[in-house]
Amino acid sequence: MLDHLITHNGNLRMVPTDRNELTTAVGQLHEELRALPEEADPARTQVLTRWIGIGQMCLGHHEEARTFLRQSLDLAAAIGNTRAVLATGLNLGDAHRYAGDVQGADALYRSALNTARSQHPELLDFALQHTGKHLMERGDLAGAQARLQEALRLRIAKGDTGLVDSTQAALDRVELLIGQADASAADNAAPRQRSGQWTA
């Protein structure tokens, strides 16, 4: 719905391709949501609130994003759409992560990952991808690498080159960070000679 207006920055977070265009598009979704009659299909309300939340998150409006995504998640649960619960839960996890709420994000990603493994294996690669990025930002590089490698295997099997490229980019970043951490650790462990004394 807003995919064409969203890209990823160097930190692999979602950002607008054109901020003004995305702001306008989110405003139009707001108008459509407000115009829905009370007896409207809740599935449409769920989709609209989800995409408004995603748009707000990309624009950096974290509080509004979480409000709409929580509403969307509750609607998805109420209508029994577990696929939408999983997908929206991942988006809400991202909104918490972008806002700096590590614990809130952690719980949402863990729940989505469990749901994907037990009920929707076709969405497991998405849950792994989002969780991997979260772990990378949290500094758990080994955990991030493991999740992203699993996601990559699943996406290669799916044969979707766009998804494969997205996961490969995340994996490349994790491996770069691991390399930097290893180099830093090696530098810190190297003995230094000061005044004729070796110090670790």
N, C-alpha and C. Protein backbone atom coordinates (compact mmCIF):
# COMPACT_ATOMS: atom_id res chain seq x y z
N MET A 1 0.82 -1.21 0.00
CA MET A 1 0.00 0.00 0.00
C MET A 1 0.86 1.27 0.00
N LEU A 2 1.94 1.21 0.80
CA LEU A 2 2.90 2.33 0.82
C LEU A 2 4.30 1.86 0.43
N ASP A 3 4.41 0.61 0.02
CA ASP A 3 5.72 0.01 -0.26
C ASP A 3 6.61 0.86 -1.16
N HIS A 4 5.99 1.43 -2.20
CA HIS A 4 6.76 2.19 -3.20
C HIS A 4 7.33 3.49 -2.63
N LEU A 5 6.87 3.89 -1.44
CA LEU A 5 7.34 5.14 -0.82
C LEU A 5 8.31 4.89 0.33
N ILE A 6 8.69 3.61 0.50
CA ILE A 6 9.55 3.24 1.63
C ILE A 6 10.80 2.53 1.13
N THR A 7 11.94 2.89 1.70
CA THR A 7 13.20 2.21 1.39
C THR A 7 13.93 1.96 2.71
N HIS A 8 15.17 1.52 2.64
CA HIS A 8 15.96 1.26 3.85
C HIS A 8 17.20 2.14 3.85
N ASN A 9 17.55 2.67 5.01
CA ASN A 9 18.76 3.48 5.11
C ASN A 9 19.97 2.60 5.40
N GLY A 10 21.12 3.23 5.64
CA GLY A 10 22.35 2.48 5.87
C GLY A 10 22.31 1.59 7.08
N ASN A 11 21.41 1.91 8.03
CA ASN A 11 21.25 1.08 9.23
C ASN A 11 20.15 0.03 9.04
N LEU A 12 19.66 -0.09 7.82
CA LEU A 12 18.63 -1.06 7.44
C LEU A 12 17.28 -0.79 8.09
N ARG A 13 17.06 0.46 8.47
CA ARG A 13 15.75 0.85 8.99
C ARG A 13 14.91 1.44 7.86
N MET A 14 13.59 1.30 7.97
CA MET A 14 12.69 1.82 6.95
C MET A 14 12.60 3.34 7.04
N VAL A 15 12.75 3.98 5.90
CA VAL A 15 12.67 5.44 5.79
C VAL A 15 11.92 5.79 4.51
N PRO A 16 11.40 7.03 4.42
CA PRO A 16 10.67 7.42 3.20
C PRO A 16 11.61 7.59 2.00
N THR A 17 11.13 7.22 0.82
CA THR A 17 11.86 7.57 -0.41
C THR A 17 11.68 9.06 -0.67
N ASP A 18 10.49 9.57 -0.32
CA ASP A 18 10.19 11.00 -0.43
C ASP A 18 9.28 11.35 0.75
N ARG A 19 9.82 12.12 1.68
CA ARG A 19 9.09 12.39 2.92
C ARG A 19 7.73 13.06 2.67
N ASN A 20 7.70 14.03 1.78
CA ASN A 20 6.45 14.73 1.50
C ASN A 20 5.40 13.80 0.91
N GLU A 21 5.84 12.97 -0.03
CA GLU A 21 4.90 12.04 -0.66
C GLU A 21 4.35 11.05 0.36
N LEU A 22 5.22 10.54 1.23
CA LEU A 22 4.76 9.58 2.23
C LEU A 22 3.80 10.25 3.22
N THR A 23 4.12 11.48 3.61
CA THR A 23 3.24 12.23 4.53
C THR A 23 1.86 12.39 3.91
N THR A 24 1.83 12.73 2.62
CA THR A 24 0.55 12.89 1.91
C THR A 24 -0.21 11.58 1.85
N ALA A 25 0.50 10.49 1.53
CA ALA A 25 -0.13 9.17 1.41
C ALA A 25 -0.71 8.71 2.74
N VAL A 26 0.04 8.94 3.82
CA VAL A 26 -0.46 8.56 5.15
C VAL A 26 -1.71 9.39 5.48
N GLY A 27 -1.70 10.66 5.12
CA GLY A 27 -2.87 11.52 5.33
C GLY A 27 -4.09 11.00 4.59
N GLN A 28 -3.89 10.50 3.38
CA GLN A 28 -5.00 9.95 2.59
C GLN A 28 -5.56 8.68 3.25
N LEU A 29 -4.68 7.87 3.82
CA LEU A 29 -5.14 6.67 4.53
C LEU A 29 -5.94 7.07 5.77
N HIS A 30 -5.50 8.11 6.45
CA HIS A 30 -6.24 8.65 7.60
C HIS A 30 -7.65 9.05 7.18
N GLU A 31 -7.75 9.74 6.05
CA GLU A 31 -9.06 10.20 5.56
C GLU A 31 -9.95 9.01 5.24
N GLU A 32 -9.37 8.00 4.60
CA GLU A 32 -10.16 6.80 4.28
C GLU A 32 -10.64 6.12 5.56
N LEU A 33 -9.76 6.06 6.55
CA LEU A 33 -10.13 5.42 7.83
C LEU A 33 -11.27 6.17 8.50
N ARG A 34 -11.17 7.51 8.53
CA ARG A 34 -12.21 8.34 9.16
C ARG A 34 -13.54 8.22 8.42
N ALA A 35 -13.48 7.98 7.11
CA ALA A 35 -14.71 7.92 6.30
C ALA A 35 -15.39 6.56 6.35
N LEU A 36 -14.75 5.57 6.95
CA LEU A 36 -15.36 4.24 7.00
C LEU A 36 -16.62 4.27 7.87
N PRO A 37 -17.69 3.66 7.39
CA PRO A 37 -18.90 3.59 8.23
C PRO A 37 -18.68 2.63 9.41
N GLU A 38 -19.47 2.78 10.44
CA GLU A 38 -19.31 1.94 11.64
C GLU A 38 -19.43 0.46 11.33
N GLU A 39 -20.25 0.14 10.35
CA GLU A 39 -20.48 -1.28 10.02
C GLU A 39 -19.48 -1.80 8.99
N ALA A 40 -18.43 -1.04 8.75
CA ALA A 40 -17.42 -1.45 7.76
C ALA A 40 -16.74 -2.74 8.20
N ASP A 41 -16.22 -3.45 7.21
CA ASP A 41 -15.49 -4.69 7.45
C ASP A 41 -14.28 -4.39 8.34
N PRO A 42 -14.18 -5.03 9.51
CA PRO A 42 -13.03 -4.76 10.39
C PRO A 42 -11.69 -5.11 9.74
N ALA A 43 -11.72 -6.00 8.75
CA ALA A 43 -10.48 -6.36 8.06
C ALA A 43 -9.91 -5.14 7.33
N ARG A 44 -10.79 -4.29 6.78
CA ARG A 44 -10.32 -3.09 6.09
C ARG A 44 -9.73 -2.10 7.10
N THR A 45 -10.38 -1.97 8.23
CA THR A 45 -9.87 -1.10 9.29
C THR A 45 -8.50 -1.60 9.76
N GLN A 46 -8.37 -2.91 9.86
CA GLN A 46 -7.10 -3.50 10.30
C GLN A 46 -5.98 -3.16 9.32
N VAL A 47 -6.26 -3.29 8.03
CA VAL A 47 -5.24 -2.99 7.01
C VAL A 47 -4.87 -1.51 7.03
N LEU A 48 -5.87 -0.66 7.11
CA LEU A 48 -5.61 0.79 7.10
C LEU A 48 -4.80 1.22 8.33
N THR A 49 -5.18 0.74 9.51
CA THR A 49 -4.45 1.13 10.72
C THR A 49 -3.02 0.60 10.68
N ARG A 50 -2.84 -0.60 10.10
CA ARG A 50 -1.48 -1.15 10.00
C ARG A 50 -0.61 -0.24 9.13
N TRP A 51 -1.12 0.12 7.95
CA TRP A 51 -0.29 0.91 7.03
C TRP A 51 -0.10 2.34 7.50
N ILE A 52 -1.09 2.90 8.21
CA ILE A 52 -0.88 4.23 8.80
C ILE A 52 0.25 4.13 9.83
N GLY A 53 0.23 3.06 10.62
CA GLY A 53 1.28 2.85 11.62
C GLY A 53 2.65 2.70 11.00
N ILE A 54 2.73 1.92 9.92
CA ILE A 54 4.02 1.73 9.24
C ILE A 54 4.51 3.06 8.67
N GLY A 55 3.60 3.81 8.06
CA GLY A 55 3.96 5.11 7.50
C GLY A 55 4.47 6.07 8.58
N GLN A 56 3.75 6.10 9.70
CA GLN A 56 4.16 6.99 10.79
C GLN A 56 5.53 6.58 11.34
N MET A 57 5.77 5.28 11.42
CA MET A 57 7.06 4.80 11.90
C MET A 57 8.18 5.26 10.97
N CYS A 58 7.97 5.15 9.67
CA CYS A 58 8.98 5.57 8.70
C CYS A 58 9.24 7.08 8.76
N LEU A 59 8.21 7.82 9.15
CA LEU A 59 8.34 9.28 9.27
C LEU A 59 8.94 9.69 10.61
N GLY A 60 9.15 8.72 11.49
CA GLY A 60 9.75 9.01 12.79
C GLY A 60 8.77 9.40 13.87
N HIS A 61 7.46 9.19 13.60
CA HIS A 61 6.42 9.51 14.58
C HIS A 61 6.13 8.24 15.39
N HIS A 62 7.01 7.94 16.32
CA HIS A 62 6.97 6.63 16.99
C HIS A 62 5.72 6.40 17.84
N GLU A 63 5.27 7.42 18.55
CA GLU A 63 4.11 7.25 19.43
C GLU A 63 2.86 6.96 18.61
N GLU A 64 2.65 7.76 17.54
CA GLU A 64 1.49 7.53 16.66
C GLU A 64 1.60 6.16 16.01
N ALA A 65 2.80 5.79 15.59
CA ALA A 65 3.00 4.49 14.95
C ALA A 65 2.58 3.36 15.88
N ARG A 66 3.03 3.43 17.13
CA ARG A 66 2.69 2.36 18.07
C ARG A 66 1.19 2.32 18.37
N THR A 67 0.56 3.50 18.45
CA THR A 67 -0.88 3.55 18.70
C THR A 67 -1.65 2.85 17.59
N PHE A 68 -1.35 3.19 16.34
CA PHE A 68 -2.08 2.59 15.22
C PHE A 68 -1.75 1.11 15.04
N LEU A 69 -0.50 0.75 15.23
CA LEU A 69 -0.12 -0.66 15.06
C LEU A 69 -0.72 -1.52 16.17
N ARG A 70 -0.81 -0.99 17.38
CA ARG A 70 -1.46 -1.73 18.47
C ARG A 70 -2.94 -1.93 18.16
N GLN A 71 -3.59 -0.88 17.64
CA GLN A 71 -5.00 -0.99 17.25
C GLN A 71 -5.16 -2.05 16.16
N SER A 72 -4.26 -2.03 15.19
CA SER A 72 -4.31 -3.00 14.09
C SER A 72 -4.09 -4.42 14.59
N LEU A 73 -3.15 -4.57 15.51
CA LEU A 73 -2.86 -5.89 16.08
C LEU A 73 -4.07 -6.43 16.83
N ASP A 74 -4.71 -5.57 17.62
CA ASP A 74 -5.91 -5.98 18.36
C ASP A 74 -7.03 -6.39 17.42
N LEU A 75 -7.20 -5.63 16.33
CA LEU A 75 -8.24 -5.98 15.33
C LEU A 75 -7.94 -7.32 14.67
N ALA A 76 -6.67 -7.53 14.31
CA ALA A 76 -6.28 -8.79 13.67
C ALA A 76 -6.58 -9.97 14.59
N ALA A 77 -6.29 -9.79 15.88
CA ALA A 77 -6.57 -10.86 16.85
C ALA A 77 -8.07 -11.08 16.99
N ALA A 78 -8.84 -9.99 17.01
CA ALA A 78 -10.29 -10.07 17.19
C ALA A 78 -10.97 -10.80 16.04
N ILE A 79 -10.45 -10.61 14.83
CA ILE A 79 -11.08 -11.28 13.67
C ILE A 79 -10.43 -12.64 13.40
N GLY A 80 -9.46 -13.01 14.21
CA GLY A 80 -8.85 -14.33 14.09
C GLY A 80 -7.91 -14.50 12.92
N ASN A 81 -7.33 -13.41 12.44
CA ASN A 81 -6.41 -13.48 11.31
C ASN A 81 -4.98 -13.60 11.85
N THR A 82 -4.52 -14.85 12.04
CA THR A 82 -3.21 -15.05 12.67
C THR A 82 -2.06 -14.59 11.79
N ARG A 83 -2.24 -14.64 10.48
CA ARG A 83 -1.19 -14.11 9.58
C ARG A 83 -1.01 -12.60 9.80
N ALA A 84 -2.14 -11.90 9.92
CA ALA A 84 -2.09 -10.45 10.15
C ALA A 84 -1.56 -10.16 11.55
N VAL A 85 -1.90 -11.01 12.52
CA VAL A 85 -1.36 -10.84 13.88
C VAL A 85 0.16 -10.91 13.83
N LEU A 86 0.66 -11.90 13.11
CA LEU A 86 2.11 -12.09 13.02
C LEU A 86 2.79 -10.91 12.32
N ALA A 87 2.26 -10.54 11.15
CA ALA A 87 2.87 -9.45 10.37
C ALA A 87 2.81 -8.12 11.11
N THR A 88 1.65 -7.83 11.72
CA THR A 88 1.50 -6.57 12.43
C THR A 88 2.33 -6.57 13.71
N GLY A 89 2.45 -7.73 14.34
CA GLY A 89 3.31 -7.84 15.52
C GLY A 89 4.76 -7.50 15.20
N LEU A 90 5.21 -7.93 14.03
CA LEU A 90 6.58 -7.59 13.60
C LEU A 90 6.72 -6.09 13.38
N ASN A 91 5.69 -5.49 12.75
CA ASN A 91 5.72 -4.03 12.53
C ASN A 91 5.73 -3.28 13.86
N LEU A 92 4.92 -3.75 14.80
CA LEU A 92 4.87 -3.11 16.12
C LEU A 92 6.21 -3.29 16.84
N GLY A 93 6.83 -4.45 16.66
CA GLY A 93 8.17 -4.66 17.20
C GLY A 93 9.15 -3.65 16.64
N ASP A 94 9.06 -3.42 15.32
CA ASP A 94 9.93 -2.42 14.69
C ASP A 94 9.68 -1.03 15.27
N ALA A 95 8.40 -0.69 15.49
CA ALA A 95 8.06 0.63 16.02
C ALA A 95 8.66 0.81 17.42
N HIS A 96 8.61 -0.23 18.23
CA HIS A 96 9.23 -0.17 19.56
C HIS A 96 10.75 -0.06 19.44
N ARG A 97 11.31 -0.83 18.51
CA ARG A 97 12.78 -0.80 18.32
C ARG A 97 13.23 0.58 17.86
N TYR A 98 12.53 1.15 16.90
CA TYR A 98 12.91 2.46 16.37
C TYR A 98 12.81 3.54 17.45
N ALA A 99 11.89 3.33 18.40
CA ALA A 99 11.70 4.30 19.48
C ALA A 99 12.66 4.06 20.64
N GLY A 100 13.47 2.99 20.54
CA GLY A 100 14.45 2.71 21.59
C GLY A 100 13.96 1.82 22.70
N ASP A 101 12.75 1.24 22.54
CA ASP A 101 12.19 0.35 23.56
C ASP A 101 12.61 -1.09 23.26
N VAL A 102 13.79 -1.46 23.73
CA VAL A 102 14.37 -2.77 23.42
C VAL A 102 13.53 -3.91 23.99
N GLN A 103 13.08 -3.77 25.24
CA GLN A 103 12.32 -4.85 25.88
C GLN A 103 10.98 -5.08 25.19
N GLY A 104 10.28 -3.98 24.87
CA GLY A 104 9.00 -4.10 24.18
C GLY A 104 9.17 -4.77 22.83
N ALA A 105 10.21 -4.37 22.11
CA ALA A 105 10.50 -4.97 20.80
C ALA A 105 10.82 -6.45 20.96
N ASP A 106 11.64 -6.77 21.94
CA ASP A 106 12.07 -8.15 22.17
C ASP A 106 10.88 -9.09 22.34
N ALA A 107 9.92 -8.69 23.17
CA ALA A 107 8.75 -9.51 23.44
C ALA A 107 7.92 -9.73 22.18
N LEU A 108 7.76 -8.69 21.39
CA LEU A 108 6.95 -8.79 20.16
C LEU A 108 7.63 -9.67 19.12
N TYR A 109 8.95 -9.53 18.95
CA TYR A 109 9.65 -10.37 17.98
C TYR A 109 9.62 -11.83 18.41
N ARG A 110 9.80 -12.07 19.71
CA ARG A 110 9.81 -13.44 20.21
C ARG A 110 8.45 -14.11 19.97
N SER A 111 7.38 -13.36 20.24
CA SER A 111 6.03 -13.87 20.03
C SER A 111 5.79 -14.18 18.55
N ALA A 112 6.20 -13.25 17.67
CA ALA A 112 6.01 -13.46 16.22
C ALA A 112 6.81 -14.66 15.73
N LEU A 113 8.02 -14.81 16.24
CA LEU A 113 8.87 -15.93 15.83
C LEU A 113 8.25 -17.26 16.26
N ASN A 114 7.71 -17.32 17.47
CA ASN A 114 7.05 -18.53 17.96
C ASN A 114 5.82 -18.86 17.12
N THR A 115 5.03 -17.83 16.81
CA THR A 115 3.83 -18.03 15.99
C THR A 115 4.20 -18.53 14.59
N ALA A 116 5.23 -17.94 14.02
CA ALA A 116 5.66 -18.35 12.67
C ALA A 116 6.12 -19.81 12.67
N ARG A 117 6.91 -20.18 13.65
CA ARG A 117 7.41 -21.57 13.70
C ARG A 117 6.28 -22.57 13.91
N SER A 118 5.29 -22.21 14.72
CA SER A 118 4.23 -23.17 15.06
C SER A 118 3.04 -23.15 14.11
N GLN A 119 2.73 -21.98 13.53
CA GLN A 119 1.50 -21.87 12.73
C GLN A 119 1.68 -21.41 11.29
N HIS A 120 2.70 -20.59 11.04
CA HIS A 120 2.84 -20.01 9.69
C HIS A 120 4.29 -20.09 9.21
N PRO A 121 4.76 -21.31 8.92
CA PRO A 121 6.15 -21.45 8.46
C PRO A 121 6.46 -20.66 7.20
N GLU A 122 5.42 -20.33 6.42
CA GLU A 122 5.63 -19.55 5.19
C GLU A 122 6.03 -18.11 5.50
N LEU A 123 5.82 -17.68 6.74
CA LEU A 123 6.20 -16.32 7.15
C LEU A 123 7.43 -16.32 8.07
N LEU A 124 8.02 -17.50 8.28
CA LEU A 124 9.14 -17.61 9.21
C LEU A 124 10.32 -16.74 8.78
N ASP A 125 10.57 -16.66 7.47
CA ASP A 125 11.72 -15.85 7.02
C ASP A 125 11.56 -14.37 7.39
N PHE A 126 10.32 -13.88 7.37
CA PHE A 126 10.08 -12.48 7.76
C PHE A 126 10.34 -12.28 9.25
N ALA A 127 9.85 -13.23 10.06
CA ALA A 127 10.07 -13.14 11.51
C ALA A 127 11.56 -13.21 11.84
N LEU A 128 12.26 -14.09 11.15
CA LEU A 128 13.71 -14.21 11.37
C LEU A 128 14.45 -12.95 10.95
N GLN A 129 14.04 -12.37 9.84
CA GLN A 129 14.69 -11.15 9.33
C GLN A 129 14.55 -9.99 10.32
N HIS A 130 13.31 -9.76 10.78
CA HIS A 130 13.07 -8.66 11.72
C HIS A 130 13.80 -8.92 13.04
N THR A 131 13.74 -10.16 13.51
CA THR A 131 14.41 -10.50 14.77
C THR A 131 15.92 -10.35 14.63
N GLY A 132 16.45 -10.76 13.48
CA GLY A 132 17.89 -10.64 13.24
C GLY A 132 18.35 -9.20 13.28
N LYS A 133 17.59 -8.30 12.66
CA LYS A 133 17.95 -6.87 12.68
C LYS A 133 17.90 -6.32 14.11
N HIS A 134 16.89 -6.76 14.86
CA HIS A 134 16.76 -6.33 16.26
C HIS A 134 17.98 -6.77 17.07
N LEU A 135 18.36 -8.03 16.91
CA LEU A 135 19.50 -8.55 17.67
C LEU A 135 20.79 -7.84 17.26
N MET A 136 20.91 -7.53 15.98
CA MET A 136 22.08 -6.79 15.49
C MET A 136 22.18 -5.43 16.19
N GLU A 137 21.06 -4.71 16.24
CA GLU A 137 21.07 -3.40 16.88
C GLU A 137 21.34 -3.50 18.38
N ARG A 138 20.91 -4.62 18.96
CA ARG A 138 21.09 -4.82 20.41
C ARG A 138 22.52 -5.23 20.75
N GLY A 139 23.28 -5.60 19.72
CA GLY A 139 24.67 -6.01 19.93
C GLY A 139 24.88 -7.50 20.04
N ASP A 140 23.78 -8.29 19.88
CA ASP A 140 23.90 -9.75 19.89
C ASP A 140 24.19 -10.20 18.46
N LEU A 141 25.45 -10.04 18.04
CA LEU A 141 25.81 -10.27 16.64
C LEU A 141 25.74 -11.75 16.27
N ALA A 142 26.12 -12.63 17.19
CA ALA A 142 26.06 -14.07 16.89
C ALA A 142 24.61 -14.50 16.73
N GLY A 143 23.73 -14.03 17.60
CA GLY A 143 22.31 -14.35 17.49
C GLY A 143 21.71 -13.81 16.21
N ALA A 144 22.09 -12.57 15.87
CA ALA A 144 21.61 -11.95 14.63
C ALA A 144 22.06 -12.75 13.41
N GLN A 145 23.32 -13.14 13.42
CA GLN A 145 23.88 -13.89 12.29
C GLN A 145 23.14 -15.22 12.10
N ALA A 146 22.87 -15.91 13.20
CA ALA A 146 22.17 -17.21 13.13
C ALA A 146 20.76 -17.04 12.55
N ARG A 147 20.02 -16.02 13.03
CA ARG A 147 18.65 -15.80 12.52
C ARG A 147 18.67 -15.43 11.05
N LEU A 148 19.59 -14.56 10.67
CA LEU A 148 19.64 -14.10 9.28
C LEU A 148 20.10 -15.21 8.34
N GLN A 149 21.01 -16.07 8.79
CA GLN A 149 21.43 -17.20 7.95
C GLN A 149 20.26 -18.15 7.71
N GLU A 150 19.46 -18.37 8.75
CA GLU A 150 18.27 -19.23 8.59
C GLU A 150 17.28 -18.57 7.64
N ALA A 151 17.08 -17.27 7.79
CA ALA A 151 16.17 -16.54 6.89
C ALA A 151 16.66 -16.62 5.45
N LEU A 152 17.98 -16.49 5.26
CA LEU A 152 18.54 -16.54 3.91
C LEU A 152 18.29 -17.89 3.25
N ARG A 153 18.48 -18.96 4.01
CA ARG A 153 18.21 -20.31 3.45
C ARG A 153 16.76 -20.44 3.00
N LEU A 154 15.85 -19.95 3.84
CA LEU A 154 14.42 -20.04 3.51
C LEU A 154 14.09 -19.19 2.28
N ARG A 155 14.70 -18.03 2.18
CA ARG A 155 14.40 -17.13 1.06
C ARG A 155 15.01 -17.61 -0.24
N ILE A 156 16.16 -18.24 -0.14
CA ILE A 156 16.75 -18.85 -1.35
C ILE A 156 15.82 -19.95 -1.85
N ALA A 157 15.27 -20.72 -0.91
CA ALA A 157 14.33 -21.79 -1.28
C ALA A 157 13.06 -21.22 -1.90
N LYS A 158 12.63 -20.06 -1.43
CA LYS A 158 11.44 -19.41 -2.00
C LYS A 158 11.72 -18.90 -3.41
N GLY A 159 12.97 -18.55 -3.67
CA GLY A 159 13.33 -18.06 -5.00
C GLY A 159 12.97 -16.61 -5.25
N ASP A 160 12.75 -15.83 -4.20
CA ASP A 160 12.42 -14.42 -4.35
C ASP A 160 13.71 -13.60 -4.21
N THR A 161 14.23 -13.11 -5.34
CA THR A 161 15.53 -12.44 -5.31
C THR A 161 15.51 -11.15 -4.49
N GLY A 162 14.38 -10.43 -4.47
CA GLY A 162 14.27 -9.22 -3.68
C GLY A 162 14.43 -9.51 -2.19
N LEU A 163 13.78 -10.58 -1.74
CA LEU A 163 13.89 -10.98 -0.33
C LEU A 163 15.29 -11.49 -0.02
N VAL A 164 15.86 -12.26 -0.94
CA VAL A 164 17.22 -12.77 -0.75
C VAL A 164 18.20 -11.61 -0.61
N ASP A 165 18.07 -10.62 -1.49
CA ASP A 165 18.97 -9.45 -1.46
C ASP A 165 18.84 -8.70 -0.14
N SER A 166 17.60 -8.56 0.35
CA SER A 166 17.36 -7.85 1.60
C SER A 166 18.05 -8.55 2.77
N THR A 167 17.92 -9.88 2.82
CA THR A 167 18.54 -10.63 3.90
C THR A 167 20.05 -10.64 3.76
N GLN A 168 20.54 -10.74 2.53
CA GLN A 168 21.99 -10.74 2.31
C GLN A 168 22.60 -9.41 2.76
N ALA A 169 21.88 -8.32 2.51
CA ALA A 169 22.37 -7.00 2.94
C ALA A 169 22.47 -6.93 4.47
N ALA A 170 21.46 -7.49 5.15
CA ALA A 170 21.48 -7.50 6.61
C ALA A 170 22.61 -8.38 7.13
N LEU A 171 22.79 -9.53 6.48
CA LEU A 171 23.85 -10.46 6.89
C LEU A 171 25.22 -9.85 6.65
N ASP A 172 25.38 -9.17 5.53
CA ASP A 172 26.66 -8.50 5.24
C ASP A 172 26.99 -7.47 6.32
N ARG A 173 25.96 -6.75 6.76
CA ARG A 173 26.18 -5.73 7.80
C ARG A 173 26.58 -6.39 9.13
N VAL A 174 25.91 -7.47 9.48
CA VAL A 174 26.24 -8.18 10.72
C VAL A 174 27.67 -8.71 10.66
N GLU A 175 28.05 -9.27 9.52
CA GLU A 175 29.39 -9.83 9.39
C GLU A 175 30.45 -8.73 9.43
N LEU A 176 30.13 -7.56 8.89
CA LEU A 176 31.03 -6.41 8.98
C LEU A 176 31.21 -6.00 10.45
N LEU A 177 30.10 -5.94 11.19
CA LEU A 177 30.15 -5.57 12.60
C LEU A 177 30.93 -6.61 13.42
N ILE A 178 30.76 -7.89 13.08
CA ILE A 178 31.52 -8.94 13.77
C ILE A 178 33.01 -8.76 13.51
N GLY A 179 33.36 -8.46 12.26
CA GLY A 179 34.77 -8.23 11.89
C GLY A 179 35.35 -7.05 12.66
N GLN A 180 34.56 -5.98 12.76
CA GLN A 180 35.01 -4.80 13.49
C GLN A 180 35.19 -5.11 14.98
N ALA A 181 34.25 -5.87 15.54
CA ALA A 181 34.33 -6.23 16.96
C ALA A 181 35.55 -7.11 17.22
N ASP A 182 35.82 -8.05 16.30
CA ASP A 182 36.98 -8.93 16.46
C ASP A 182 38.28 -8.13 16.39
N ALA A 183 38.33 -7.19 15.44
CA ALA A 183 39.54 -6.37 15.28
C ALA A 183 39.76 -5.50 16.52
N SER A 184 38.67 -4.95 17.05
CA SER A 184 38.76 -4.12 18.24
C SER A 184 39.23 -4.93 19.44
N ALA A 185 38.69 -6.15 19.56
CA ALA A 185 39.09 -7.02 20.67
C ALA A 185 40.56 -7.38 20.56
N ALA A 186 41.02 -7.64 19.33
CA ALA A 186 42.43 -7.99 19.12
C ALA A 186 43.33 -6.80 19.48
N ASP A 187 42.90 -5.60 19.10
CA ASP A 187 43.67 -4.39 19.43
C ASP A 187 43.78 -4.21 20.94
N ASN A 188 42.66 -4.43 21.63
CA ASN A 188 42.64 -4.24 23.08
C ASN A 188 43.45 -5.29 23.82
N ALA A 189 43.54 -6.48 23.22
CA ALA A 189 44.26 -7.57 23.87
C ALA A 189 45.75 -7.50 23.61
N ALA A 190 46.15 -6.76 22.56
CA ALA A 190 47.57 -6.69 22.21
C ALA A 190 48.34 -5.99 23.32
N PRO A 191 49.47 -6.56 23.74
CA PRO A 191 50.25 -5.90 24.79
C PRO A 191 50.85 -4.60 24.28
N ARG A 192 50.91 -3.62 25.17
CA ARG A 192 51.49 -2.34 24.80
C ARG A 192 52.74 -2.12 25.66
N GLN A 193 53.76 -1.60 25.03
CA GLN A 193 55.00 -1.35 25.76
C GLN A 193 54.99 0.11 26.24
N ARG A 194 55.02 0.25 27.55
CA ARG A 194 55.06 1.60 28.10
C ARG A 194 56.20 1.64 29.13
N SER A 195 57.14 2.52 28.91
CA SER A 195 58.27 2.68 29.85
C SER A 195 58.98 1.37 30.15
N GLY A 196 59.11 0.58 29.11
CA GLY A 196 59.79 -0.69 29.30
C GLY A 196 58.95 -1.76 29.96
N GLN A 197 57.71 -1.46 30.30
CA GLN A 197 56.82 -2.45 30.95
C GLN A 197 55.77 -2.90 29.93
N TRP A 198 55.51 -4.19 29.84
CA TRP A 198 54.44 -4.70 29.00
C TRP A 198 53.15 -4.71 29.81
N THR A 199 52.10 -4.11 29.24
CA THR A 199 50.82 -4.13 29.93
C THR A 199 49.75 -4.67 28.99
N ALA A 200 48.90 -5.51 29.50
CA ALA A 200 47.87 -6.13 28.66
C ALA A 200 46.75 -5.13 28.42
